[in-house]
Amino acid sequence: MFDYKFLSEDAIEKDEFLIISFEKLMFLNVLGMRQPKYLKDLKLVRDRIAEINTLLHDFY
């Protein structure tokens, strides 16, 4: 399901490392969240990203 192959798709290779996308990193964080404070923090990040996206869309 969400294995190494999934995470490494479209990853950037740098030296001996694979750098996964920000979206996949956030996705992994969401899967591991159990505490209400972390969920609240994630919602704040989500809302801020949506706000920035709207501002950029309106600007361009």
C-alpha atoms as a PDB file:
ATOM      1  CA  MET A   1       0.000   0.000   0.000  1.00  0.00           C
ATOM      2  CA  PHE A   2       2.105   2.970   1.208  1.00  0.00           C
ATOM      3  CA  ASP A   3       5.412   1.228   0.850  1.00  0.00           C
ATOM      4  CA  TYR A   4       8.882   2.228  -0.276  1.00  0.00           C
ATOM      5  CA  LYS A   5       7.887   2.039  -3.936  1.00  0.00           C
ATOM      6  CA  PHE A   6       4.974   4.429  -3.365  1.00  0.00           C
ATOM      7  CA  LEU A   7       7.105   6.901  -1.410  1.00  0.00           C
ATOM      8  CA  SER A   8      10.039   6.810  -3.819  1.00  0.00           C
ATOM      9  CA  GLU A   9       7.964   7.520  -6.946  1.00  0.00           C
ATOM     10  CA  ASP A  10       9.009  10.914  -8.365  1.00  0.00           C
ATOM     11  CA  ALA A  11      11.551  11.323  -5.563  1.00  0.00           C
ATOM     12  CA  ILE A  12      14.633  13.436  -6.223  1.00  0.00           C
ATOM     13  CA  GLU A  13      17.922  11.585  -5.947  1.00  0.00           C
ATOM     14  CA  LYS A  14      20.608  13.477  -4.029  1.00  0.00           C
ATOM     15  CA  ASP A  15      23.874  11.685  -3.273  1.00  0.00           C
ATOM     16  CA  GLU A  16      22.795   8.492  -1.507  1.00  0.00           C
ATOM     17  CA  PHE A  17      19.339   9.762  -0.557  1.00  0.00           C
ATOM     18  CA  LEU A  18      15.903  10.003  -2.096  1.00  0.00           C
ATOM     19  CA  ILE A  19      13.967  13.158  -1.288  1.00  0.00           C
ATOM     20  CA  ILE A  20      10.220  12.588  -1.302  1.00  0.00           C
ATOM     21  CA  SER A  21       7.677  15.275  -2.064  1.00  0.00           C
ATOM     22  CA  PHE A  22       6.317  17.580   0.611  1.00  0.00           C
ATOM     23  CA  GLU A  23       2.852  16.175  -0.054  1.00  0.00           C
ATOM     24  CA  LYS A  24       3.976  12.620   0.682  1.00  0.00           C
ATOM     25  CA  LEU A  25       5.817  13.759   3.790  1.00  0.00           C
ATOM     26  CA  MET A  26       2.683  15.494   5.077  1.00  0.00           C
ATOM     27  CA  PHE A  27       0.647  12.421   4.180  1.00  0.00           C
ATOM     28  CA  LEU A  28       2.921  10.261   6.353  1.00  0.00           C
ATOM     29  CA  ASN A  29       2.518  12.745   9.203  1.00  0.00           C
ATOM     30  CA  VAL A  30      -1.260  12.554   8.911  1.00  0.00           C
ATOM     31  CA  LEU A  31      -1.186   8.756   9.050  1.00  0.00           C
ATOM     32  CA  GLY A  32       0.780   8.895  12.299  1.00  0.00           C
ATOM     33  CA  MET A  33      -1.282  11.549  14.052  1.00  0.00           C
ATOM     34  CA  ARG A  34      -3.272  10.563  17.082  1.00  0.00           C
ATOM     35  CA  GLN A  35      -3.217  13.581  19.400  1.00  0.00           C
ATOM     36  CA  PRO A  36      -5.832  16.355  19.000  1.00  0.00           C
ATOM     37  CA  LYS A  37      -3.188  19.115  19.131  1.00  0.00           C
ATOM     38  CA  TYR A  38      -1.356  17.633  16.151  1.00  0.00           C
ATOM     39  CA  LEU A  39      -4.585  17.393  14.188  1.00  0.00           C
ATOM     40  CA  LYS A  40      -5.370  21.024  15.021  1.00  0.00           C
ATOM     41  CA  ASP A  41      -1.873  22.050  13.881  1.00  0.00           C
ATOM     42  CA  LEU A  42      -2.320  20.159  10.626  1.00  0.00           C
ATOM     43  CA  LYS A  43      -5.639  21.898   9.977  1.00  0.00           C
ATOM     44  CA  LEU A  44      -3.951  25.265  10.533  1.00  0.00           C
ATOM     45  CA  VAL A  45      -1.221  24.364   8.030  1.00  0.00           C
ATOM     46  CA  ARG A  46      -3.854  23.161   5.545  1.00  0.00           C
ATOM     47  CA  ASP A  47      -5.849  26.378   5.897  1.00  0.00           C
ATOM     48  CA  ARG A  48      -2.736  28.532   5.499  1.00  0.00           C
ATOM     49  CA  ILE A  49      -1.697  26.666   2.351  1.00  0.00           C
ATOM     50  CA  ALA A  50      -5.204  27.120   0.926  1.00  0.00           C
ATOM     51  CA  GLU A  51      -5.068  30.833   1.770  1.00  0.00           C
ATOM     52  CA  ILE A  52      -1.696  31.270   0.053  1.00  0.00           C
ATOM     53  CA  ASN A  53      -2.934  29.308  -2.951  1.00  0.00           C
ATOM     54  CA  THR A  54      -5.970  31.599  -3.240  1.00  0.00           C
ATOM     55  CA  LEU A  55      -3.817  34.723  -2.950  1.00  0.00           C
ATOM     56  CA  LEU A  56      -1.441  33.484  -5.644  1.00  0.00           C
ATOM     57  CA  HIS A  57      -4.320  32.457  -7.894  1.00  0.00           C
ATOM     58  CA  ASP A  58      -5.927  35.895  -7.544  1.00  0.00           C
ATOM     59  CA  PHE A  59      -2.586  37.634  -8.127  1.00  0.00           C
ATOM     60  CA  TYR A  60      -1.794  35.754 -11.318  1.00  0.00           C
END
